[in-house]
Amino acid sequence: MPKKYILFFILLATLILVYFYQRNIFIGLDKFKNSNSALTELRLENQGLRQKIQELTNKLNLDNQPYLTAQVYSRYPFNNNQSLVIDAGFKAKVTVGWPVLAAEHRLLGKIVKVRANTSEVETIFSPDWRSTVKIGPSGVEALLVGGRQPKLEFIPANAKINPGDEVSSVSPDLPLNLFIGEVSEIISQPAASLWQAKLKTDYDPNQLKKVFVITDYE
């Protein structure tokens, strides 16, 4: 066989080897990228699962707290949500400071006055309400300021929060991680170092007929 044909076949074989070698490298890179992407997704899923487990643990801890169900006296025709009067007082061993829920794990307020058969509840819709809260999965802290439209104040301008983020209690005089509501709107200004946000609840305070008092809470 002429020498030039031998060189041609050697060159052809070399090109074929280089082609398959590079192809295997690219396939390997694609597999690596896919596996790396899958690992990232697994990490995110694990973070979400850990958060849900923690939330369930918090709820189980709260479920261990004894409850007292109380009826709400009518506020018609004024529909004043700043405070409520319930049909349980010191005869039922109700104590000032006990947390009050609008529904399971939904903070409404706390007992501020106790009489023989009734108690007054200051709600998060009162302009006098102040408590520390955390926002979203990153746990950004803020101050909940009560009112007809409750607000979240003193939010750092670099905080990573979004509408729909859950707001939970971290105030020492309330159960930890008790759900309060969600961020409905973020109020930000370009030059401001602190932001505000509006809070919305998933219940209508005007429709409350009964509430749940966490008893023996200290």
N, C-alpha and C. Protein backbone atom coordinates (compact mmCIF):
# COMPACT_ATOMS: atom_id res chain seq x y z
N MET A 1 0.87 -1.19 0.00
CA MET A 1 0.00 0.00 0.00
C MET A 1 0.89 1.23 0.00
N PRO A 2 0.55 2.19 -0.89
CA PRO A 2 1.37 3.40 -0.94
C PRO A 2 1.37 4.12 0.40
N LYS A 3 2.47 4.80 0.65
CA LYS A 3 2.66 5.49 1.93
C LYS A 3 1.60 6.56 2.16
N LYS A 4 1.18 7.24 1.07
CA LYS A 4 0.22 8.32 1.24
C LYS A 4 -1.13 7.80 1.72
N TYR A 5 -1.50 6.54 1.29
CA TYR A 5 -2.76 5.95 1.76
C TYR A 5 -2.68 5.59 3.23
N ILE A 6 -1.49 5.11 3.62
CA ILE A 6 -1.30 4.76 5.04
C ILE A 6 -1.46 6.01 5.90
N LEU A 7 -0.85 7.11 5.47
CA LEU A 7 -0.96 8.37 6.21
C LEU A 7 -2.41 8.85 6.25
N PHE A 8 -3.11 8.64 5.12
CA PHE A 8 -4.52 9.07 5.06
C PHE A 8 -5.36 8.31 6.08
N PHE A 9 -5.16 6.97 6.13
CA PHE A 9 -5.94 6.16 7.08
C PHE A 9 -5.59 6.49 8.53
N ILE A 10 -4.30 6.78 8.76
CA ILE A 10 -3.88 7.17 10.12
C ILE A 10 -4.55 8.48 10.51
N LEU A 11 -4.56 9.44 9.57
CA LEU A 11 -5.18 10.74 9.83
C LEU A 11 -6.68 10.57 10.06
N LEU A 12 -7.33 9.72 9.24
CA LEU A 12 -8.76 9.49 9.38
C LEU A 12 -9.08 8.85 10.73
N ALA A 13 -8.27 7.86 11.10
CA ALA A 13 -8.48 7.19 12.38
C ALA A 13 -8.30 8.17 13.54
N THR A 14 -7.31 9.05 13.39
CA THR A 14 -7.06 10.06 14.44
C THR A 14 -8.25 11.00 14.58
N LEU A 15 -8.78 11.45 13.44
CA LEU A 15 -9.94 12.34 13.47
C LEU A 15 -11.15 11.66 14.10
N ILE A 16 -11.33 10.38 13.76
CA ILE A 16 -12.46 9.64 14.36
C ILE A 16 -12.30 9.52 15.87
N LEU A 17 -11.08 9.22 16.31
CA LEU A 17 -10.81 9.11 17.75
C LEU A 17 -11.04 10.44 18.46
N VAL A 18 -10.56 11.53 17.82
CA VAL A 18 -10.75 12.86 18.42
C VAL A 18 -12.23 13.20 18.50
N TYR A 19 -12.99 12.86 17.46
CA TYR A 19 -14.43 13.15 17.44
C TYR A 19 -15.14 12.46 18.60
N PHE A 20 -14.90 11.15 18.73
CA PHE A 20 -15.58 10.40 19.80
C PHE A 20 -15.10 10.83 21.19
N TYR A 21 -13.83 11.19 21.28
CA TYR A 21 -13.30 11.66 22.57
C TYR A 21 -13.99 12.96 22.99
N GLN A 22 -14.08 13.91 22.02
CA GLN A 22 -14.75 15.18 22.32
C GLN A 22 -16.23 14.95 22.61
N ARG A 23 -16.85 14.05 21.86
CA ARG A 23 -18.27 13.75 22.07
C ARG A 23 -18.51 13.22 23.48
N ASN A 24 -17.63 12.33 23.91
CA ASN A 24 -17.76 11.78 25.27
C ASN A 24 -17.56 12.86 26.32
N ILE A 25 -16.64 13.79 26.02
CA ILE A 25 -16.42 14.90 26.97
C ILE A 25 -17.68 15.75 27.10
N PHE A 26 -18.28 16.10 25.94
CA PHE A 26 -19.49 16.93 25.98
C PHE A 26 -20.65 16.20 26.66
N ILE A 27 -20.76 14.90 26.38
CA ILE A 27 -21.80 14.11 27.05
C ILE A 27 -21.57 14.11 28.56
N GLY A 28 -20.30 13.95 28.93
CA GLY A 28 -19.96 13.98 30.36
C GLY A 28 -20.28 15.31 30.99
N LEU A 29 -19.98 16.40 30.26
CA LEU A 29 -20.29 17.73 30.79
C LEU A 29 -21.79 17.93 30.94
N ASP A 30 -22.54 17.46 29.94
CA ASP A 30 -24.00 17.57 30.03
C ASP A 30 -24.53 16.80 31.23
N LYS A 31 -23.99 15.59 31.43
CA LYS A 31 -24.43 14.79 32.58
C LYS A 31 -24.07 15.49 33.88
N PHE A 32 -22.87 16.10 33.90
CA PHE A 32 -22.44 16.81 35.12
C PHE A 32 -23.36 18.00 35.40
N LYS A 33 -23.67 18.76 34.31
CA LYS A 33 -24.56 19.91 34.48
C LYS A 33 -25.94 19.46 34.97
N ASN A 34 -26.44 18.36 34.35
CA ASN A 34 -27.75 17.87 34.76
C ASN A 34 -27.75 17.40 36.20
N SER A 35 -26.69 16.68 36.58
CA SER A 35 -26.61 16.20 37.96
C SER A 35 -26.47 17.35 38.93
N ASN A 36 -25.68 18.37 38.52
CA ASN A 36 -25.51 19.55 39.38
C ASN A 36 -26.84 20.29 39.55
N SER A 37 -27.60 20.40 38.44
CA SER A 37 -28.91 21.04 38.51
C SER A 37 -29.86 20.24 39.39
N ALA A 38 -29.78 18.90 39.27
CA ALA A 38 -30.63 18.05 40.10
C ALA A 38 -30.28 18.19 41.57
N LEU A 39 -28.99 18.30 41.87
CA LEU A 39 -28.56 18.49 43.26
C LEU A 39 -29.07 19.81 43.82
N THR A 40 -29.02 20.87 42.97
CA THR A 40 -29.53 22.17 43.41
C THR A 40 -31.02 22.09 43.72
N GLU A 41 -31.77 21.41 42.83
CA GLU A 41 -33.20 21.25 43.07
C GLU A 41 -33.47 20.47 44.34
N LEU A 42 -32.66 19.42 44.58
CA LEU A 42 -32.83 18.63 45.80
C LEU A 42 -32.55 19.46 47.04
N ARG A 43 -31.51 20.32 46.96
CA ARG A 43 -31.20 21.18 48.11
C ARG A 43 -32.38 22.11 48.40
N LEU A 44 -32.94 22.71 47.35
CA LEU A 44 -34.08 23.61 47.53
C LEU A 44 -35.29 22.87 48.11
N GLU A 45 -35.51 21.63 47.60
CA GLU A 45 -36.62 20.84 48.12
C GLU A 45 -36.40 20.50 49.59
N ASN A 46 -35.14 20.16 49.93
CA ASN A 46 -34.83 19.84 51.33
C ASN A 46 -35.05 21.04 52.23
N GLN A 47 -34.66 22.24 51.75
CA GLN A 47 -34.88 23.45 52.53
C GLN A 47 -36.37 23.67 52.76
N GLY A 48 -37.16 23.47 51.70
CA GLY A 48 -38.61 23.63 51.83
C GLY A 48 -39.21 22.62 52.79
N LEU A 49 -38.71 21.36 52.71
CA LEU A 49 -39.20 20.32 53.62
C LEU A 49 -38.84 20.62 55.06
N ARG A 50 -37.60 21.11 55.27
CA ARG A 50 -37.20 21.46 56.64
C ARG A 50 -38.07 22.56 57.20
N GLN A 51 -38.39 23.55 56.34
CA GLN A 51 -39.25 24.65 56.79
C GLN A 51 -40.65 24.14 57.15
N LYS A 52 -41.20 23.23 56.30
CA LYS A 52 -42.53 22.69 56.58
C LYS A 52 -42.53 21.85 57.86
N ILE A 53 -41.45 21.08 58.05
CA ILE A 53 -41.33 20.28 59.27
C ILE A 53 -41.30 21.18 60.49
N GLN A 54 -40.54 22.29 60.40
CA GLN A 54 -40.46 23.22 61.52
C GLN A 54 -41.82 23.85 61.79
N GLU A 55 -42.55 24.20 60.71
CA GLU A 55 -43.88 24.79 60.89
C GLU A 55 -44.82 23.79 61.56
N LEU A 56 -44.74 22.51 61.12
CA LEU A 56 -45.58 21.49 61.73
C LEU A 56 -45.21 21.27 63.19
N THR A 57 -43.91 21.31 63.48
CA THR A 57 -43.47 21.17 64.86
C THR A 57 -44.00 22.30 65.72
N ASN A 58 -43.94 23.52 65.18
CA ASN A 58 -44.47 24.67 65.92
C ASN A 58 -45.97 24.51 66.17
N LYS A 59 -46.69 23.99 65.16
CA LYS A 59 -48.12 23.80 65.32
C LYS A 59 -48.41 22.72 66.35
N LEU A 60 -47.61 21.64 66.33
CA LEU A 60 -47.80 20.59 67.32
C LEU A 60 -47.54 21.12 68.72
N ASN A 61 -46.51 21.96 68.86
CA ASN A 61 -46.24 22.56 70.16
C ASN A 61 -47.41 23.42 70.61
N LEU A 62 -48.01 24.14 69.66
CA LEU A 62 -49.15 24.97 69.99
C LEU A 62 -50.36 24.11 70.32
N ASP A 63 -50.49 22.98 69.62
CA ASP A 63 -51.62 22.09 69.90
C ASP A 63 -51.57 21.54 71.32
N ASN A 64 -50.38 21.50 71.89
CA ASN A 64 -50.26 21.03 73.26
C ASN A 64 -50.78 22.05 74.27
N GLN A 65 -51.00 23.29 73.81
CA GLN A 65 -51.54 24.32 74.69
C GLN A 65 -53.04 24.10 74.85
N PRO A 66 -53.55 24.18 76.08
CA PRO A 66 -55.00 24.06 76.27
C PRO A 66 -55.74 25.28 75.73
N TYR A 67 -56.92 25.04 75.18
CA TYR A 67 -57.73 26.10 74.59
C TYR A 67 -58.99 26.33 75.42
N LEU A 68 -59.47 27.55 75.34
CA LEU A 68 -60.78 27.89 75.88
C LEU A 68 -61.56 28.55 74.75
N THR A 69 -62.68 27.97 74.38
CA THR A 69 -63.52 28.55 73.34
C THR A 69 -64.48 29.57 73.96
N ALA A 70 -64.55 30.75 73.37
CA ALA A 70 -65.41 31.81 73.91
C ALA A 70 -66.23 32.43 72.79
N GLN A 71 -67.44 32.81 73.11
CA GLN A 71 -68.31 33.49 72.16
C GLN A 71 -68.02 34.99 72.17
N VAL A 72 -68.19 35.62 71.02
CA VAL A 72 -67.93 37.06 70.88
C VAL A 72 -69.26 37.81 70.96
N TYR A 73 -69.29 38.82 71.83
CA TYR A 73 -70.49 39.66 71.93
C TYR A 73 -70.62 40.51 70.66
N SER A 74 -71.86 40.81 70.30
CA SER A 74 -72.14 41.58 69.09
C SER A 74 -71.58 43.00 69.20
N ARG A 75 -71.09 43.50 68.09
CA ARG A 75 -70.61 44.88 68.00
C ARG A 75 -71.50 45.72 67.09
N TYR A 76 -72.62 45.12 66.69
CA TYR A 76 -73.56 45.81 65.79
C TYR A 76 -74.11 47.05 66.49
N PRO A 77 -74.26 48.18 65.81
CA PRO A 77 -74.02 48.41 64.37
C PRO A 77 -72.65 49.01 64.08
N PHE A 78 -71.77 49.06 65.08
CA PHE A 78 -70.52 49.82 64.91
C PHE A 78 -69.41 49.01 64.26
N ASN A 79 -69.42 47.67 64.45
CA ASN A 79 -68.39 46.81 63.87
C ASN A 79 -66.98 47.31 64.20
N ASN A 80 -66.77 47.62 65.47
CA ASN A 80 -65.46 48.07 65.92
C ASN A 80 -64.57 46.85 66.17
N ASN A 81 -63.50 46.73 65.38
CA ASN A 81 -62.62 45.56 65.50
C ASN A 81 -61.41 45.81 66.39
N GLN A 82 -61.31 47.01 66.94
CA GLN A 82 -60.14 47.31 67.77
C GLN A 82 -60.11 46.45 69.02
N SER A 83 -61.28 46.18 69.57
CA SER A 83 -61.37 45.32 70.74
C SER A 83 -62.66 44.51 70.67
N LEU A 84 -62.63 43.34 71.29
CA LEU A 84 -63.80 42.47 71.35
C LEU A 84 -64.10 42.15 72.80
N VAL A 85 -65.35 41.84 73.08
CA VAL A 85 -65.74 41.36 74.40
C VAL A 85 -66.21 39.92 74.25
N ILE A 86 -65.63 39.03 75.06
CA ILE A 86 -65.95 37.60 74.99
C ILE A 86 -66.64 37.16 76.28
N ASP A 87 -67.32 36.02 76.21
CA ASP A 87 -68.14 35.58 77.34
C ASP A 87 -67.38 34.67 78.31
N ALA A 88 -66.15 35.00 78.59
CA ALA A 88 -65.35 34.25 79.58
C ALA A 88 -64.54 35.24 80.39
N GLY A 89 -64.61 35.13 81.72
CA GLY A 89 -63.89 36.04 82.59
C GLY A 89 -63.12 35.31 83.67
N PHE A 90 -62.93 35.98 84.83
CA PHE A 90 -62.07 35.36 85.83
C PHE A 90 -62.74 34.13 86.47
N LYS A 91 -64.07 33.99 86.33
CA LYS A 91 -64.72 32.76 86.79
C LYS A 91 -64.26 31.56 85.97
N ALA A 92 -63.86 31.83 84.73
CA ALA A 92 -63.30 30.78 83.87
C ALA A 92 -61.77 30.79 83.94
N LYS A 93 -61.24 31.55 84.93
CA LYS A 93 -59.80 31.64 85.18
C LYS A 93 -59.03 32.31 84.04
N VAL A 94 -59.72 33.16 83.29
CA VAL A 94 -59.06 33.91 82.22
C VAL A 94 -58.12 34.94 82.85
N THR A 95 -56.96 35.11 82.24
CA THR A 95 -55.92 35.99 82.79
C THR A 95 -55.48 37.01 81.75
N VAL A 96 -55.19 38.22 82.20
CA VAL A 96 -54.67 39.27 81.31
C VAL A 96 -53.37 38.79 80.66
N GLY A 97 -53.26 39.02 79.36
CA GLY A 97 -52.06 38.64 78.63
C GLY A 97 -52.21 37.37 77.83
N TRP A 98 -53.25 36.59 78.09
CA TRP A 98 -53.41 35.35 77.33
C TRP A 98 -53.68 35.64 75.86
N PRO A 99 -53.03 34.91 74.95
CA PRO A 99 -53.26 35.12 73.51
C PRO A 99 -54.65 34.64 73.09
N VAL A 100 -55.18 35.30 72.09
CA VAL A 100 -56.51 34.96 71.56
C VAL A 100 -56.38 34.71 70.06
N LEU A 101 -56.97 33.62 69.59
CA LEU A 101 -56.89 33.24 68.19
C LEU A 101 -58.23 33.42 67.50
N ALA A 102 -58.18 33.86 66.25
CA ALA A 102 -59.40 33.98 65.45
C ALA A 102 -59.82 32.62 64.91
N ALA A 103 -58.84 31.77 64.66
CA ALA A 103 -59.05 30.40 64.21
C ALA A 103 -57.80 29.65 64.59
N GLU A 104 -57.73 28.40 64.21
CA GLU A 104 -56.57 27.60 64.60
C GLU A 104 -55.28 28.23 64.08
N HIS A 105 -54.40 28.57 65.02
CA HIS A 105 -53.08 29.13 64.69
C HIS A 105 -53.16 30.51 64.03
N ARG A 106 -54.26 31.22 64.18
CA ARG A 106 -54.39 32.58 63.62
C ARG A 106 -54.48 33.58 64.77
N LEU A 107 -53.43 34.35 64.97
CA LEU A 107 -53.43 35.32 66.06
C LEU A 107 -54.43 36.44 65.80
N LEU A 108 -55.25 36.71 66.80
CA LEU A 108 -56.20 37.82 66.73
C LEU A 108 -55.81 38.93 67.69
N GLY A 109 -55.38 38.58 68.89
CA GLY A 109 -55.03 39.59 69.88
C GLY A 109 -54.70 38.95 71.21
N LYS A 110 -54.93 39.68 72.30
CA LYS A 110 -54.68 39.15 73.64
C LYS A 110 -55.62 39.80 74.65
N ILE A 111 -55.80 39.13 75.77
CA ILE A 111 -56.68 39.61 76.83
C ILE A 111 -56.04 40.83 77.50
N VAL A 112 -56.83 41.91 77.63
CA VAL A 112 -56.31 43.12 78.29
C VAL A 112 -57.12 43.49 79.54
N LYS A 113 -58.36 43.03 79.61
CA LYS A 113 -59.18 43.29 80.80
C LYS A 113 -60.01 42.06 81.11
N VAL A 114 -60.17 41.77 82.40
CA VAL A 114 -60.95 40.60 82.81
C VAL A 114 -61.98 41.02 83.85
N ARG A 115 -63.22 40.59 83.62
CA ARG A 115 -64.30 40.80 84.59
C ARG A 115 -64.82 39.43 85.03
N ALA A 116 -65.88 39.42 85.78
CA ALA A 116 -66.37 38.15 86.31
C ALA A 116 -66.72 37.15 85.21
N ASN A 117 -67.50 37.59 84.24
CA ASN A 117 -67.98 36.68 83.20
C ASN A 117 -67.59 37.09 81.79
N THR A 118 -66.87 38.19 81.68
CA THR A 118 -66.46 38.67 80.36
C THR A 118 -65.00 39.11 80.39
N SER A 119 -64.43 39.22 79.22
CA SER A 119 -63.06 39.75 79.08
C SER A 119 -62.99 40.59 77.83
N GLU A 120 -62.06 41.54 77.85
CA GLU A 120 -61.85 42.39 76.68
C GLU A 120 -60.58 41.95 75.96
N VAL A 121 -60.68 41.84 74.66
CA VAL A 121 -59.56 41.41 73.82
C VAL A 121 -59.09 42.59 72.98
N GLU A 122 -57.83 42.97 73.14
CA GLU A 122 -57.23 43.94 72.22
C GLU A 122 -56.77 43.17 70.98
N THR A 123 -57.17 43.63 69.80
CA THR A 123 -56.86 42.91 68.58
C THR A 123 -55.74 43.59 67.80
N ILE A 124 -55.27 42.89 66.78
CA ILE A 124 -54.23 43.46 65.92
C ILE A 124 -54.78 44.60 65.06
N PHE A 125 -56.10 44.83 65.15
CA PHE A 125 -56.72 45.93 64.42
C PHE A 125 -56.83 47.19 65.27
N SER A 126 -56.28 47.13 66.48
CA SER A 126 -56.26 48.30 67.35
C SER A 126 -55.03 49.15 67.03
N PRO A 127 -55.16 50.49 66.98
CA PRO A 127 -54.00 51.35 66.72
C PRO A 127 -52.97 51.30 67.85
N ASP A 128 -53.34 50.74 68.99
CA ASP A 128 -52.40 50.62 70.11
C ASP A 128 -51.56 49.35 70.04
N TRP A 129 -51.89 48.46 69.11
CA TRP A 129 -51.19 47.16 69.05
C TRP A 129 -49.78 47.32 68.49
N ARG A 130 -48.81 46.73 69.19
CA ARG A 130 -47.43 46.66 68.73
C ARG A 130 -46.86 45.29 69.09
N SER A 131 -46.24 44.63 68.14
CA SER A 131 -45.57 43.36 68.43
C SER A 131 -44.53 43.08 67.35
N THR A 132 -43.52 42.32 67.72
CA THR A 132 -42.45 41.96 66.79
C THR A 132 -42.87 40.74 65.98
N VAL A 133 -42.58 40.79 64.69
CA VAL A 133 -42.95 39.69 63.79
C VAL A 133 -41.78 39.35 62.88
N LYS A 134 -41.91 38.22 62.20
CA LYS A 134 -40.95 37.87 61.15
C LYS A 134 -41.71 37.65 59.85
N ILE A 135 -41.03 37.93 58.75
CA ILE A 135 -41.67 37.89 57.43
C ILE A 135 -40.96 36.88 56.54
N GLY A 136 -41.75 36.01 55.91
CA GLY A 136 -41.24 35.13 54.87
C GLY A 136 -40.25 34.09 55.34
N PRO A 137 -39.76 33.27 54.39
CA PRO A 137 -38.84 32.19 54.73
C PRO A 137 -37.50 32.66 55.26
N SER A 138 -37.10 33.89 54.92
CA SER A 138 -35.82 34.41 55.42
C SER A 138 -35.93 34.97 56.83
N GLY A 139 -37.16 35.10 57.35
CA GLY A 139 -37.35 35.53 58.73
C GLY A 139 -36.98 36.98 58.99
N VAL A 140 -37.25 37.86 58.03
CA VAL A 140 -36.96 39.29 58.21
C VAL A 140 -37.84 39.84 59.34
N GLU A 141 -37.23 40.51 60.30
CA GLU A 141 -37.98 41.03 61.44
C GLU A 141 -38.58 42.40 61.13
N ALA A 142 -39.74 42.65 61.71
CA ALA A 142 -40.43 43.93 61.53
C ALA A 142 -41.31 44.18 62.74
N LEU A 143 -41.87 45.37 62.79
CA LEU A 143 -42.79 45.74 63.86
C LEU A 143 -44.21 45.76 63.29
N LEU A 144 -45.09 44.97 63.89
CA LEU A 144 -46.49 44.99 63.50
C LEU A 144 -47.19 46.12 64.24
N VAL A 145 -47.74 47.05 63.49
CA VAL A 145 -48.46 48.19 64.05
C VAL A 145 -49.94 48.00 63.70
N GLY A 146 -50.77 47.91 64.73
CA GLY A 146 -52.18 47.64 64.51
C GLY A 146 -52.93 48.81 63.91
N GLY A 147 -54.14 48.53 63.47
CA GLY A 147 -55.00 49.54 62.87
C GLY A 147 -56.05 48.86 62.02
N ARG A 148 -56.96 49.65 61.47
CA ARG A 148 -57.96 49.07 60.57
C ARG A 148 -57.28 48.31 59.45
N GLN A 149 -56.14 48.85 58.98
CA GLN A 149 -55.25 48.17 58.04
C GLN A 149 -53.91 47.98 58.74
N PRO A 150 -53.67 46.82 59.37
CA PRO A 150 -52.40 46.61 60.08
C PRO A 150 -51.22 46.79 59.13
N LYS A 151 -50.12 47.33 59.68
CA LYS A 151 -48.92 47.59 58.88
C LYS A 151 -47.71 46.92 59.50
N LEU A 152 -46.72 46.70 58.65
CA LEU A 152 -45.41 46.20 59.08
C LEU A 152 -44.41 47.32 58.87
N GLU A 153 -43.73 47.71 59.93
CA GLU A 153 -42.80 48.83 59.84
C GLU A 153 -41.39 48.41 60.22
N PHE A 154 -40.43 49.32 59.94
CA PHE A 154 -39.01 49.12 60.24
C PHE A 154 -38.45 47.89 59.52
N ILE A 155 -38.86 47.71 58.27
CA ILE A 155 -38.33 46.63 57.45
C ILE A 155 -37.07 47.13 56.75
N PRO A 156 -35.92 46.45 56.90
CA PRO A 156 -34.71 46.89 56.21
C PRO A 156 -34.92 46.97 54.70
N ALA A 157 -34.38 48.02 54.08
CA ALA A 157 -34.60 48.24 52.65
C ALA A 157 -34.02 47.13 51.79
N ASN A 158 -33.03 46.41 52.30
CA ASN A 158 -32.42 45.32 51.52
C ASN A 158 -33.06 43.97 51.82
N ALA A 159 -34.17 43.98 52.55
CA ALA A 159 -34.83 42.73 52.92
C ALA A 159 -35.45 42.06 51.70
N LYS A 160 -35.36 40.74 51.66
CA LYS A 160 -35.94 39.98 50.56
C LYS A 160 -37.33 39.50 50.97
N ILE A 161 -38.33 40.33 50.70
CA ILE A 161 -39.71 39.98 51.00
C ILE A 161 -40.56 40.20 49.76
N ASN A 162 -41.70 39.51 49.72
CA ASN A 162 -42.59 39.61 48.57
C ASN A 162 -44.05 39.58 49.03
N PRO A 163 -44.95 40.16 48.25
CA PRO A 163 -46.37 40.01 48.56
C PRO A 163 -46.73 38.52 48.64
N GLY A 164 -47.50 38.17 49.64
CA GLY A 164 -47.85 36.77 49.85
C GLY A 164 -47.01 36.08 50.90
N ASP A 165 -45.89 36.71 51.31
CA ASP A 165 -45.06 36.12 52.36
C ASP A 165 -45.83 36.06 53.67
N GLU A 166 -45.67 34.95 54.39
CA GLU A 166 -46.36 34.79 55.66
C GLU A 166 -45.70 35.64 56.74
N VAL A 167 -46.53 36.13 57.65
CA VAL A 167 -46.06 36.93 58.78
C VAL A 167 -46.41 36.17 60.05
N SER A 168 -45.41 35.96 60.91
CA SER A 168 -45.59 35.17 62.13
C SER A 168 -45.05 35.93 63.34
N SER A 169 -45.53 35.57 64.51
CA SER A 169 -45.13 36.25 65.74
C SER A 169 -43.78 35.75 66.24
N VAL A 170 -42.97 36.69 66.70
CA VAL A 170 -41.72 36.35 67.40
C VAL A 170 -41.61 37.19 68.67
N SER A 171 -42.71 37.85 69.04
CA SER A 171 -42.73 38.67 70.24
C SER A 171 -42.70 37.76 71.47
N PRO A 172 -41.92 38.10 72.50
CA PRO A 172 -41.77 37.21 73.66
C PRO A 172 -43.05 37.02 74.47
N ASP A 173 -44.04 37.89 74.31
CA ASP A 173 -45.28 37.74 75.07
C ASP A 173 -46.36 37.00 74.30
N LEU A 174 -45.98 36.40 73.15
CA LEU A 174 -46.92 35.64 72.33
C LEU A 174 -46.28 34.32 71.92
N PRO A 175 -47.08 33.31 71.57
CA PRO A 175 -46.52 32.04 71.12
C PRO A 175 -45.61 32.25 69.90
N LEU A 176 -44.48 31.59 69.90
CA LEU A 176 -43.50 31.74 68.82
C LEU A 176 -44.04 31.14 67.53
N ASN A 177 -43.82 31.88 66.43
CA ASN A 177 -44.18 31.44 65.08
C ASN A 177 -45.68 31.29 64.86
N LEU A 178 -46.48 31.99 65.65
CA LEU A 178 -47.92 31.95 65.46
C LEU A 178 -48.28 32.78 64.22
N PHE A 179 -49.03 32.18 63.30
CA PHE A 179 -49.38 32.84 62.04
C PHE A 179 -50.28 34.05 62.31
N ILE A 180 -49.98 35.16 61.63
CA ILE A 180 -50.76 36.39 61.79
C ILE A 180 -51.46 36.77 60.48
N GLY A 181 -50.74 36.71 59.38
CA GLY A 181 -51.32 37.07 58.09
C GLY A 181 -50.27 37.02 57.01
N GLU A 182 -50.52 37.74 55.92
CA GLU A 182 -49.60 37.77 54.79
C GLU A 182 -49.33 39.21 54.36
N VAL A 183 -48.19 39.40 53.72
CA VAL A 183 -47.86 40.70 53.14
C VAL A 183 -48.77 40.92 51.93
N SER A 184 -49.49 42.03 51.93
CA SER A 184 -50.37 42.32 50.79
C SER A 184 -49.76 43.36 49.84
N GLU A 185 -48.95 44.25 50.39
CA GLU A 185 -48.34 45.31 49.57
C GLU A 185 -47.09 45.83 50.26
N ILE A 186 -46.04 46.05 49.49
CA ILE A 186 -44.79 46.60 50.03
C ILE A 186 -44.72 48.07 49.67
N ILE A 187 -44.49 48.90 50.69
CA ILE A 187 -44.40 50.35 50.49
C ILE A 187 -42.93 50.74 50.62
N SER A 188 -42.29 51.02 49.50
CA SER A 188 -40.86 51.32 49.50
C SER A 188 -40.60 52.67 48.84
N GLN A 189 -39.54 53.32 49.27
CA GLN A 189 -39.10 54.57 48.67
C GLN A 189 -37.61 54.44 48.35
N PRO A 190 -37.18 54.92 47.17
CA PRO A 190 -35.79 54.71 46.74
C PRO A 190 -34.75 55.17 47.75
N ALA A 191 -34.98 56.29 48.41
CA ALA A 191 -33.97 56.85 49.31
C ALA A 191 -34.13 56.38 50.75
N ALA A 192 -35.20 55.64 51.03
CA ALA A 192 -35.48 55.24 52.42
C ALA A 192 -34.65 54.02 52.80
N SER A 193 -34.18 54.00 54.04
CA SER A 193 -33.42 52.84 54.54
C SER A 193 -34.34 51.81 55.17
N LEU A 194 -35.58 52.22 55.47
CA LEU A 194 -36.56 51.31 56.05
C LEU A 194 -37.84 51.35 55.23
N TRP A 195 -38.46 50.19 55.05
CA TRP A 195 -39.69 50.08 54.28
C TRP A 195 -40.87 49.79 55.19
N GLN A 196 -42.05 49.87 54.59
CA GLN A 196 -43.28 49.45 55.24
C GLN A 196 -43.99 48.44 54.35
N ALA A 197 -44.93 47.73 54.93
CA ALA A 197 -45.75 46.81 54.15
C ALA A 197 -47.13 46.73 54.80
N LYS A 198 -48.12 46.38 54.00
CA LYS A 198 -49.47 46.18 54.51
C LYS A 198 -49.69 44.70 54.80
N LEU A 199 -50.46 44.45 55.85
CA LEU A 199 -50.76 43.08 56.26
C LEU A 199 -52.22 42.76 55.97
N LYS A 200 -52.47 41.57 55.45
CA LYS A 200 -53.85 41.11 55.29
C LYS A 200 -54.02 39.79 56.03
N THR A 201 -55.20 39.59 56.59
CA THR A 201 -55.52 38.34 57.27
C THR A 201 -56.40 37.48 56.36
N ASP A 202 -56.46 36.19 56.66
CA ASP A 202 -57.29 35.30 55.85
C ASP A 202 -58.66 35.07 56.50
N TYR A 203 -59.06 35.98 57.36
CA TYR A 203 -60.40 35.92 57.96
C TYR A 203 -60.97 37.33 58.02
N ASP A 204 -62.28 37.43 58.11
CA ASP A 204 -62.95 38.72 58.23
C ASP A 204 -63.27 38.96 59.70
N PRO A 205 -62.63 39.94 60.34
CA PRO A 205 -62.87 40.16 61.77
C PRO A 205 -64.32 40.52 62.08
N ASN A 206 -65.04 41.05 61.09
CA ASN A 206 -66.44 41.40 61.31
C ASN A 206 -67.35 40.17 61.42
N GLN A 207 -66.84 39.04 60.96
CA GLN A 207 -67.65 37.82 60.95
C GLN A 207 -67.34 36.89 62.12
N LEU A 208 -66.47 37.29 63.01
CA LEU A 208 -66.08 36.41 64.11
C LEU A 208 -67.22 36.25 65.11
N LYS A 209 -67.60 35.01 65.35
CA LYS A 209 -68.64 34.70 66.34
C LYS A 209 -68.05 34.02 67.58
N LYS A 210 -66.90 33.39 67.40
CA LYS A 210 -66.22 32.77 68.52
C LYS A 210 -64.71 32.88 68.33
N VAL A 211 -63.99 32.81 69.43
CA VAL A 211 -62.53 32.88 69.40
C VAL A 211 -61.98 31.79 70.32
N PHE A 212 -60.66 31.62 70.25
CA PHE A 212 -60.01 30.58 71.04
C PHE A 212 -58.92 31.23 71.89
N VAL A 213 -59.04 31.06 73.19
CA VAL A 213 -58.08 31.65 74.13
C VAL A 213 -57.09 30.57 74.55
N ILE A 214 -55.79 30.86 74.37
CA ILE A 214 -54.76 29.93 74.83
C ILE A 214 -54.61 30.13 76.33
N THR A 215 -54.96 29.13 77.11
CA THR A 215 -54.96 29.26 78.57
C THR A 215 -53.61 28.85 79.16
N ASP A 216 -53.40 29.26 80.38
CA ASP A 216 -52.17 28.92 81.11
C ASP A 216 -50.92 29.35 80.35
N TYR A 217 -51.02 30.42 79.59
CA TYR A 217 -49.86 30.89 78.83
C TYR A 217 -49.10 31.92 79.65
N GLU A 218 -47.80 31.71 79.76
CA GLU A 218 -46.94 32.64 80.50
C GLU A 218 -45.77 33.04 79.64
